C-alpha atoms as a PDB file:
ATOM      1  CA  MET A   1       0.024  -0.010  -0.217  1.00  0.00           C
ATOM      2  CA  SER A   2       1.291   3.595  -0.603  1.00  0.00           C
ATOM      3  CA  GLY A   3       2.457   4.974   2.714  1.00  0.00           C
ATOM      4  CA  THR A   4       2.540   3.805   5.889  1.00  0.00           C
ATOM      5  CA  ILE A   5       0.476   2.700   9.087  1.00  0.00           C
ATOM      6  CA  LYS A   6       0.927   6.518  10.075  1.00  0.00           C
ATOM      7  CA  ASP A   7      -1.036   7.514   6.776  1.00  0.00           C
ATOM      8  CA  VAL A   8      -4.092  10.015   7.439  1.00  0.00           C
ATOM      9  CA  VAL A   9      -7.488   8.218   5.927  1.00  0.00           C
ATOM     10  CA  TRP A  10     -10.273  10.034   4.719  1.00  0.00           C
ATOM     11  CA  ILE A  11     -13.365   7.890   4.634  1.00  0.00           C
ATOM     12  CA  THR A  12     -16.716   9.741   3.132  1.00  0.00           C
ATOM     13  CA  GLY A  13     -20.093   7.952   3.940  1.00  0.00           C
ATOM     14  CA  ALA A  14     -18.847   6.906   7.430  1.00  0.00           C
ATOM     15  CA  SER A  15     -21.896   7.574   9.483  1.00  0.00           C
ATOM     16  CA  SER A  16     -23.371   4.084   8.655  1.00  0.00           C
ATOM     17  CA  GLY A  17     -22.799   0.595   6.840  1.00  0.00           C
ATOM     18  CA  ILE A  18     -19.462  -0.228   5.168  1.00  0.00           C
ATOM     19  CA  GLY A  19     -18.082   3.072   5.857  1.00  0.00           C
ATOM     20  CA  ARG A  20     -18.489   2.960   9.322  1.00  0.00           C
ATOM     21  CA  ALA A  21     -17.461  -0.294   9.650  1.00  0.00           C
ATOM     22  CA  LEU A  22     -14.453   0.257   7.707  1.00  0.00           C
ATOM     23  CA  ALA A  23     -13.598   3.163   9.545  1.00  0.00           C
ATOM     24  CA  LEU A  24     -13.295   1.495  12.933  1.00  0.00           C
ATOM     25  CA  ARG A  25     -11.244  -1.084  11.233  1.00  0.00           C
ATOM     26  CA  MET A  26      -8.672   1.103  10.093  1.00  0.00           C
ATOM     27  CA  ALA A  27      -8.728   2.896  13.193  1.00  0.00           C
ATOM     28  CA  ARG A  28      -8.004  -0.464  14.789  1.00  0.00           C
ATOM     29  CA  GLY A  29      -5.211  -1.011  12.379  1.00  0.00           C
ATOM     30  CA  GLY A  30      -3.313   1.573  13.433  1.00  0.00           C
ATOM     31  CA  TYR A  31      -4.651   4.827  10.944  1.00  0.00           C
ATOM     32  CA  ARG A  32      -5.447   8.257  11.469  1.00  0.00           C
ATOM     33  CA  VAL A  33      -9.118   8.218  10.237  1.00  0.00           C
ATOM     34  CA  ALA A  34     -11.193  11.178   9.391  1.00  0.00           C
ATOM     35  CA  ALA A  35     -14.838  10.372   9.238  1.00  0.00           C
ATOM     36  CA  THR A  36     -17.337  12.187   6.968  1.00  0.00           C
ATOM     37  CA  ALA A  37     -20.770  12.620   6.548  1.00  0.00           C
ATOM     38  CA  ARG A  38     -23.885  14.564   7.076  1.00  0.00           C
ATOM     39  CA  ARG A  39     -24.943  13.716  10.072  1.00  0.00           C
ATOM     40  CA  ALA A  40     -23.033  15.085  13.122  1.00  0.00           C
ATOM     41  CA  GLY A  41     -24.465  12.787  15.543  1.00  0.00           C
ATOM     42  CA  GLU A  42     -23.842   9.629  13.840  1.00  0.00           C
ATOM     43  CA  LEU A  43     -19.824  10.963  13.466  1.00  0.00           C
ATOM     44  CA  GLU A  44     -19.672  11.525  17.224  1.00  0.00           C
ATOM     45  CA  ALA A  45     -20.991   8.211  18.272  1.00  0.00           C
ATOM     46  CA  LEU A  46     -18.746   6.537  15.637  1.00  0.00           C
ATOM     47  CA  ALA A  47     -15.771   8.767  17.281  1.00  0.00           C
ATOM     48  CA  ARG A  48     -16.770   7.717  21.036  1.00  0.00           C
ATOM     49  CA  GLU A  49     -17.114   3.802  19.592  1.00  0.00           C
ATOM     50  CA  ALA A  50     -13.404   4.640  18.158  1.00  0.00           C
ATOM     51  CA  ASP A  51     -11.990   5.816  21.525  1.00  0.00           C
ATOM     52  CA  GLY A  52     -11.026   8.976  19.774  1.00  0.00           C
ATOM     53  CA  LEU A  53      -8.981   7.283  17.031  1.00  0.00           C
ATOM     54  CA  VAL A  54     -11.701   8.138  14.493  1.00  0.00           C
ATOM     55  CA  VAL A  55     -12.518  12.236  14.016  1.00  0.00           C
ATOM     56  CA  PRO A  56     -15.723  13.150  12.725  1.00  0.00           C
ATOM     57  CA  VAL A  57     -15.352  15.929   9.843  1.00  0.00           C
ATOM     58  CA  VAL A  58     -19.348  16.716   8.673  1.00  0.00           C
ATOM     59  CA  ALA A  59     -19.508  17.518   5.412  1.00  0.00           C
ATOM     60  CA  ASP A  60     -22.010  16.549   2.209  1.00  0.00           C
ATOM     61  CA  THR A  61     -20.475  15.131  -0.723  1.00  0.00           C
ATOM     62  CA  THR A  62     -22.786  17.064  -2.925  1.00  0.00           C
ATOM     63  CA  ASP A  63     -21.552  20.455  -1.545  1.00  0.00           C
ATOM     64  CA  ALA A  64     -17.959  20.499  -3.586  1.00  0.00           C
ATOM     65  CA  ALA A  65     -17.227  23.798  -1.191  1.00  0.00           C
ATOM     66  CA  SER A  66     -17.853  21.942   1.960  1.00  0.00           C
ATOM     67  CA  LEU A  67     -15.455  18.769   0.880  1.00  0.00           C
ATOM     68  CA  LYS A  68     -12.916  21.498  -0.151  1.00  0.00           C
ATOM     69  CA  ALA A  69     -13.081  22.709   3.425  1.00  0.00           C
ATOM     70  CA  ALA A  70     -13.273  19.523   5.025  1.00  0.00           C
ATOM     71  CA  VAL A  71      -9.840  18.453   3.614  1.00  0.00           C
ATOM     72  CA  ALA A  72      -8.073  21.688   4.167  1.00  0.00           C
ATOM     73  CA  HIS A  73      -9.297  21.088   8.131  1.00  0.00           C
ATOM     74  CA  ILE A  74      -7.998  17.642   8.064  1.00  0.00           C
ATOM     75  CA  GLU A  75      -4.698  18.509   6.287  1.00  0.00           C
ATOM     76  CA  GLU A  76      -4.590  20.926   8.805  1.00  0.00           C
ATOM     77  CA  THR A  77      -5.123  19.346  12.080  1.00  0.00           C
ATOM     78  CA  LEU A  78      -3.914  15.621  10.852  1.00  0.00           C
ATOM     79  CA  GLY A  79      -1.739  15.639   8.385  1.00  0.00           C
ATOM     80  CA  PRO A  80      -1.668  14.840   4.741  1.00  0.00           C
ATOM     81  CA  ILE A  81      -3.914  12.443   3.609  1.00  0.00           C
ATOM     82  CA  GLY A  82      -2.364   9.000   2.236  1.00  0.00           C
ATOM     83  CA  ILE A  83      -5.571   7.042   1.884  1.00  0.00           C
ATOM     84  CA  ALA A  84      -8.997   8.429   0.342  1.00  0.00           C
ATOM     85  CA  VAL A  85     -11.902   5.822   0.557  1.00  0.00           C
ATOM     86  CA  PHE A  86     -15.158   7.395  -1.038  1.00  0.00           C
ATOM     87  CA  CYS A  87     -18.456   5.419   0.264  1.00  0.00           C
ATOM     88  CA  ALA A  88     -20.986   7.846   0.178  1.00  0.00           C
ATOM     89  CA  GLY A  89     -24.293   6.545  -1.973  1.00  0.00           C
ATOM     90  CA  THR A  90     -27.542   5.962  -1.756  1.00  0.00           C
ATOM     91  CA  TYR A  91     -30.052   3.490  -3.412  1.00  0.00           C
ATOM     92  CA  GLN A  92     -33.527   3.842  -5.070  1.00  0.00           C
ATOM     93  CA  ALA A  93     -35.566   1.106  -6.656  1.00  0.00           C
ATOM     94  CA  LEU A  94     -37.387   2.279  -9.793  1.00  0.00           C
ATOM     95  CA  MET A  95     -39.531   0.037 -12.067  1.00  0.00           C
ATOM     96  CA  GLY A  96     -39.688   1.169 -15.817  1.00  0.00           C
ATOM     97  CA  ALA A  97     -43.286   3.154 -14.658  1.00  0.00           C
ATOM     98  CA  GLU A  98     -41.555   5.262 -12.213  1.00  0.00           C
ATOM     99  CA  LEU A  99     -38.497   6.352 -14.049  1.00  0.00           C
ATOM    100  CA  THR A 100     -38.297  10.041 -14.490  1.00  0.00           C
ATOM    101  CA  ALA A 101     -35.380  12.857 -14.520  1.00  0.00           C
ATOM    102  CA  ALA A 102     -36.464  14.143 -10.965  1.00  0.00           C
ATOM    103  CA  LYS A 103     -35.765  10.460  -9.632  1.00  0.00           C
ATOM    104  CA  ALA A 104     -32.950   9.612 -11.484  1.00  0.00           C
ATOM    105  CA  ARG A 105     -30.965  12.973 -10.680  1.00  0.00           C
ATOM    106  CA  PRO A 106     -30.363  12.754  -6.751  1.00  0.00           C
ATOM    107  CA  LEU A 107     -28.924   9.331  -7.475  1.00  0.00           C
ATOM    108  CA  PHE A 108     -26.286  10.274  -9.969  1.00  0.00           C
ATOM    109  CA  GLU A 109     -25.549  13.589  -7.815  1.00  0.00           C
ATOM    110  CA  LEU A 110     -24.899  11.721  -4.791  1.00  0.00           C
ATOM    111  CA  ASN A 111     -23.532   8.212  -6.332  1.00  0.00           C
ATOM    112  CA  PHE A 112     -21.355   9.791  -8.903  1.00  0.00           C
ATOM    113  CA  MET A 113     -20.917  13.483  -8.604  1.00  0.00           C
ATOM    114  CA  GLY A 114     -20.190  13.343  -5.066  1.00  0.00           C
ATOM    115  CA  THR A 115     -17.456  11.231  -5.837  1.00  0.00           C
ATOM    116  CA  VAL A 116     -16.379  13.531  -8.582  1.00  0.00           C
ATOM    117  CA  ASN A 117     -16.588  16.291  -6.025  1.00  0.00           C
ATOM    118  CA  SER A 118     -14.288  14.275  -3.287  1.00  0.00           C
ATOM    119  CA  LEU A 119     -11.908  13.421  -6.187  1.00  0.00           C
ATOM    120  CA  GLU A 120     -11.359  17.415  -6.693  1.00  0.00           C
ATOM    121  CA  ALA A 121     -11.036  18.249  -3.211  1.00  0.00           C
ATOM    122  CA  VAL A 122      -8.348  15.484  -2.712  1.00  0.00           C
ATOM    123  CA  LEU A 123      -6.386  15.123  -5.651  1.00  0.00           C
ATOM    124  CA  PRO A 124      -4.636  18.228  -5.919  1.00  0.00           C
ATOM    125  CA  GLY A 125      -2.694  17.550  -2.997  1.00  0.00           C
ATOM    126  CA  MET A 126      -1.766  14.027  -3.704  1.00  0.00           C
ATOM    127  CA  MET A 127      -0.824  15.319  -6.981  1.00  0.00           C
ATOM    128  CA  ARG A 128       1.593  17.480  -5.327  1.00  0.00           C
ATOM    129  CA  ARG A 129       3.323  14.920  -3.256  1.00  0.00           C
ATOM    130  CA  GLU A 130       2.751  12.490  -5.855  1.00  0.00           C
ATOM    131  CA  ARG A 131       1.589   9.716  -3.606  1.00  0.00           C
ATOM    132  CA  GLY A 132      -1.622   8.329  -2.230  1.00  0.00           C
ATOM    133  CA  ARG A 133      -4.384   5.571  -2.744  1.00  0.00           C
ATOM    134  CA  ILE A 134      -8.058   6.438  -4.009  1.00  0.00           C
ATOM    135  CA  ALA A 135     -10.992   3.572  -3.582  1.00  0.00           C
ATOM    136  CA  MET A 136     -14.091   4.491  -4.667  1.00  0.00           C
ATOM    137  CA  VAL A 137     -17.024   2.156  -4.171  1.00  0.00           C
ATOM    138  CA  ALA A 138     -19.239   1.241  -6.738  1.00  0.00           C
ATOM    139  CA  SER A 139     -21.475  -2.149  -6.688  1.00  0.00           C
ATOM    140  CA  LEU A 140     -21.774  -5.609  -8.329  1.00  0.00           C
ATOM    141  CA  ALA A 141     -24.812  -3.682  -9.907  1.00  0.00           C
ATOM    142  CA  GLY A 142     -22.790  -1.797 -11.882  1.00  0.00           C
ATOM    143  CA  TYR A 143     -21.356  -5.057 -13.695  1.00  0.00           C
ATOM    144  CA  PHE A 144     -24.862  -5.723 -15.884  1.00  0.00           C
ATOM    145  CA  GLY A 145     -28.344  -4.130 -16.082  1.00  0.00           C
ATOM    146  CA  LEU A 146     -30.511  -5.619 -13.296  1.00  0.00           C
ATOM    147  CA  PRO A 147     -34.208  -4.728 -12.781  1.00  0.00           C
ATOM    148  CA  THR A 148     -35.405  -1.993 -10.879  1.00  0.00           C
ATOM    149  CA  SER A 149     -31.717  -0.773 -10.730  1.00  0.00           C
ATOM    150  CA  ALA A 150     -31.891   0.979 -14.167  1.00  0.00           C
ATOM    151  CA  VAL A 151     -30.547   4.379 -12.038  1.00  0.00           C
ATOM    152  CA  TYR A 152     -28.495   3.019  -9.452  1.00  0.00           C
ATOM    153  CA  GLY A 153     -26.986   0.435 -11.622  1.00  0.00           C
ATOM    154  CA  ALA A 154     -25.728   2.766 -13.789  1.00  0.00           C
ATOM    155  CA  SER A 155     -24.499   5.610 -11.727  1.00  0.00           C
ATOM    156  CA  LYS A 156     -22.553   2.773  -9.899  1.00  0.00           C
ATOM    157  CA  ALA A 157     -21.079   1.597 -14.078  1.00  0.00           C
ATOM    158  CA  ALA A 158     -20.031   5.003 -14.057  1.00  0.00           C
ATOM    159  CA  LEU A 159     -17.971   4.840 -11.282  1.00  0.00           C
ATOM    160  CA  ILE A 160     -15.999   1.621 -12.665  1.00  0.00           C
ATOM    161  CA  ASN A 161     -15.721   3.449 -15.981  1.00  0.00           C
ATOM    162  CA  MET A 162     -14.076   6.284 -14.333  1.00  0.00           C
ATOM    163  CA  ALA A 163     -11.799   4.502 -12.263  1.00  0.00           C
ATOM    164  CA  GLU A 164     -10.528   2.441 -14.862  1.00  0.00           C
ATOM    165  CA  ALA A 165     -10.043   5.540 -16.872  1.00  0.00           C
ATOM    166  CA  LEU A 166      -8.249   6.733 -14.006  1.00  0.00           C
ATOM    167  CA  ARG A 167      -6.173   3.995 -13.038  1.00  0.00           C
ATOM    168  CA  PRO A 168      -3.198   4.391 -15.680  1.00  0.00           C
ATOM    169  CA  ASP A 169      -3.339   8.399 -15.722  1.00  0.00           C
ATOM    170  CA  LEU A 170      -3.055   8.865 -11.981  1.00  0.00           C
ATOM    171  CA  ALA A 171      -0.232   6.210 -11.352  1.00  0.00           C
ATOM    172  CA  ARG A 172       2.187   8.298 -13.185  1.00  0.00           C
ATOM    173  CA  HIS A 173       1.809  10.337 -10.703  1.00  0.00           C
ATOM    174  CA  GLY A 174       2.039   7.787  -7.763  1.00  0.00           C
ATOM    175  CA  ILE A 175      -1.462   7.526  -6.957  1.00  0.00           C
ATOM    176  CA  ALA A 176      -3.171   3.979  -7.023  1.00  0.00           C
ATOM    177  CA  VAL A 177      -6.656   3.956  -7.750  1.00  0.00           C
ATOM    178  CA  GLN A 178      -8.935   1.109  -6.831  1.00  0.00           C
ATOM    179  CA  ILE A 179     -12.743   0.282  -7.557  1.00  0.00           C
ATOM    180  CA  VAL A 180     -14.422  -1.282  -4.871  1.00  0.00           C
ATOM    181  CA  ASN A 181     -17.765  -3.453  -6.000  1.00  0.00           C
ATOM    182  CA  PRO A 182     -19.425  -5.153  -2.656  1.00  0.00           C
ATOM    183  CA  GLY A 183     -22.527  -7.185  -3.407  1.00  0.00           C
ATOM    184  CA  PHE A 184     -25.440  -7.560  -0.610  1.00  0.00           C
ATOM    185  CA  VAL A 185     -23.953  -6.361   2.703  1.00  0.00           C
ATOM    186  CA  ARG A 186     -26.271  -6.595   6.059  1.00  0.00           C
ATOM    187  CA  THR A 187     -26.487  -2.323   6.565  1.00  0.00           C
ATOM    188  CA  PRO A 188     -29.264  -0.269   7.469  1.00  0.00           C
ATOM    189  CA  LEU A 189     -29.917   0.165   3.852  1.00  0.00           C
ATOM    190  CA  THR A 190     -30.283  -3.234   2.976  1.00  0.00           C
ATOM    191  CA  ASP A 191     -32.562  -4.286   6.109  1.00  0.00           C
ATOM    192  CA  LYS A 192     -35.004  -2.592   4.501  1.00  0.00           C
ATOM    193  CA  ASN A 193     -35.137  -4.692   1.236  1.00  0.00           C
ATOM    194  CA  GLU A 194     -37.865  -7.186   0.961  1.00  0.00           C
ATOM    195  CA  PHE A 195     -36.506  -9.175  -1.824  1.00  0.00           C
ATOM    196  CA  PRO A 196     -34.077 -12.527  -1.265  1.00  0.00           C
ATOM    197  CA  MET A 197     -30.597 -11.106  -0.829  1.00  0.00           C
ATOM    198  CA  PRO A 198     -27.685 -13.553  -2.078  1.00  0.00           C
ATOM    199  CA  PHE A 199     -25.036 -14.334  -0.431  1.00  0.00           C
ATOM    200  CA  LEU A 200     -25.834 -11.553   2.126  1.00  0.00           C
ATOM    201  CA  MET A 201     -22.233 -10.484   4.143  1.00  0.00           C
ATOM    202  CA  GLU A 202     -22.299  -9.098   7.750  1.00  0.00           C
ATOM    203  CA  THR A 203     -20.634  -5.756   7.578  1.00  0.00           C
ATOM    204  CA  ALA A 204     -18.111  -6.363   9.696  1.00  0.00           C
ATOM    205  CA  ASP A 205     -16.943  -9.291   7.299  1.00  0.00           C
ATOM    206  CA  ALA A 206     -17.428  -6.633   4.589  1.00  0.00           C
ATOM    207  CA  ALA A 207     -14.911  -4.573   6.191  1.00  0.00           C
ATOM    208  CA  GLU A 208     -12.391  -6.744   6.604  1.00  0.00           C
ATOM    209  CA  ALA A 209     -12.276  -8.021   2.913  1.00  0.00           C
ATOM    210  CA  PHE A 210     -12.174  -3.946   2.109  1.00  0.00           C
ATOM    211  CA  TYR A 211      -8.940  -3.851   4.436  1.00  0.00           C
ATOM    212  CA  ARG A 212      -7.268  -6.665   3.087  1.00  0.00           C
ATOM    213  CA  GLY A 213      -7.986  -4.934  -0.543  1.00  0.00           C
ATOM    214  CA  LEU A 214      -6.827  -1.724   0.225  1.00  0.00           C
ATOM    215  CA  HIS A 215      -3.630  -3.514   1.494  1.00  0.00           C
ATOM    216  CA  SER A 216      -3.407  -5.075  -1.941  1.00  0.00           C
ATOM    217  CA  ARG A 217      -2.225  -4.118  -5.176  1.00  0.00           C
ATOM    218  CA  ARG A 218      -5.248  -4.894  -7.094  1.00  0.00           C
ATOM    219  CA  PHE A 219      -7.450  -2.861  -8.744  1.00  0.00           C
ATOM    220  CA  GLU A 220     -10.905  -4.271  -7.919  1.00  0.00           C
ATOM    221  CA  ILE A 221     -12.128  -5.326  -4.693  1.00  0.00           C
ATOM    222  CA  SER A 222     -14.865  -7.537  -4.804  1.00  0.00           C
ATOM    223  CA  PHE A 223     -17.102  -9.325  -2.261  1.00  0.00           C
ATOM    224  CA  PRO A 224     -18.600 -11.906  -1.832  1.00  0.00           C
ATOM    225  CA  ARG A 225     -16.722 -13.788  -4.268  1.00  0.00           C
ATOM    226  CA  ARG A 226     -19.204 -16.286  -5.135  1.00  0.00           C
ATOM    227  CA  PHE A 227     -21.693 -13.235  -6.298  1.00  0.00           C
ATOM    228  CA  SER A 228     -18.970 -11.456  -7.950  1.00  0.00           C
ATOM    229  CA  LEU A 229     -18.413 -14.476 -10.002  1.00  0.00           C
ATOM    230  CA  LEU A 230     -21.869 -14.973 -11.021  1.00  0.00           C
ATOM    231  CA  LEU A 231     -22.423 -11.412 -12.399  1.00  0.00           C
ATOM    232  CA  ARG A 232     -19.116 -12.127 -14.121  1.00  0.00           C
ATOM    233  CA  LEU A 233     -20.808 -14.911 -15.763  1.00  0.00           C
ATOM    234  CA  LEU A 234     -23.617 -12.975 -16.345  1.00  0.00           C
ATOM    235  CA  GLN A 235     -21.855 -10.231 -18.274  1.00  0.00           C
ATOM    236  CA  MET A 236     -19.942 -12.900 -20.445  1.00  0.00           C
ATOM    237  CA  LEU A 237     -23.193 -14.534 -21.864  1.00  0.00           C
ATOM    238  CA  PRO A 238     -25.167 -13.446 -24.901  1.00  0.00           C
ATOM    239  CA  TYR A 239     -28.035 -11.036 -24.342  1.00  0.00           C
ATOM    240  CA  ARG A 240     -30.367 -13.527 -25.386  1.00  0.00           C
ATOM    241  CA  LEU A 241     -29.277 -15.708 -22.484  1.00  0.00           C
ATOM    242  CA  SER A 242     -28.368 -12.924 -19.940  1.00  0.00           C
ATOM    243  CA  LEU A 243     -31.623 -10.893 -20.504  1.00  0.00           C
ATOM    244  CA  ALA A 244     -34.019 -13.823 -20.394  1.00  0.00           C
ATOM    245  CA  LEU A 245     -32.339 -14.804 -16.971  1.00  0.00           C
ATOM    246  CA  THR A 246     -32.535 -10.990 -15.559  1.00  0.00           C
ATOM    247  CA  ARG A 247     -36.238 -11.118 -16.784  1.00  0.00           C
ATOM    248  CA  LEU A 248     -36.858 -14.082 -14.287  1.00  0.00           C
ATOM    249  CA  THR A 249     -36.081 -11.564 -11.477  1.00  0.00           C
ATOM    250  CA  VAL A 250     -38.300  -8.790 -12.541  1.00  0.00           C
ATOM    251  CA  PRO A 251     -40.231  -8.070  -9.263  1.00  0.00           C
ATOM    252  CA  LYS A 252     -44.341  -8.690  -9.604  1.00  0.00           C
ATOM    253  CA  ASP A 253     -45.094  -6.148  -7.101  1.00  0.00           C
ATOM    254  CA  LYS A 254     -43.719  -2.277  -6.888  1.00  0.00           C
ATOM    255  CA  PRO A 255     -40.378  -2.253  -5.071  1.00  0.00           C
ATOM    256  CA  GLY A 256     -39.926  -0.115  -1.999  1.00  0.00           C
ATOM    257  CA  ILE A 257     -37.692   2.831  -1.604  1.00  0.00           C
ATOM    258  CA  ASN A 258     -34.451   2.991   0.227  1.00  0.00           C
ATOM    259  CA  ARG A 259     -31.776   5.380   1.013  1.00  0.00           C
ATOM    260  CA  THR A 260     -28.876   5.775   3.016  1.00  0.00           C
ATOM    261  CA  ALA A 261     -28.055   8.399   5.367  1.00  0.00           C
END
């Protein structure tokens, strides 16, 4: 991994789910962790659980100015950010009859543009120092278009594509880029799902897989492995077969709407 155990780690979307669990795991691993999210109360609770080893920094990833201020604060108080992990995101199940620009825009604003805003805030410093590591959280749903995930999956596919493009570019500046593609992980978000979730992982197990991946040279960190392999297989099938299979997963009833914090 780029850097040492004294690296400063910045994690967005850290108030719940995988981001929160990873913040705790990184703190246990000896890193100085700055945790960002919109909810101050949840971040303060995280800091208490981590015995002060996680520093709360409130900011909104859809607000580029607040992120730049957050990065400036982190680097003034903790030191240069060596590892940036962008976990902030949301999910909304949408059937074709429900699809509107008004519903699609917030997902792209948070899932994709929120990550672009985060990159804009942290990249200049990393490029000046010619060192760093950036991990962007997408999803296994970005592999292939799945029913109810037309917008969510598209936003995650956009992140995968962006990471692929940035990896060789930023490597010239000493910055490693990784894409993180989780499957179903037990979080407050997935707790609201009313459909079967294959290979559901516990949050602590997902954070451990994430942590190990950050200490590797792999471009992609994906988990659970079996679900990742199944969706990769779906990608490789001819459309007449893959679309026939995904058609079987179209829900008969209108899905609910779930959001992250």
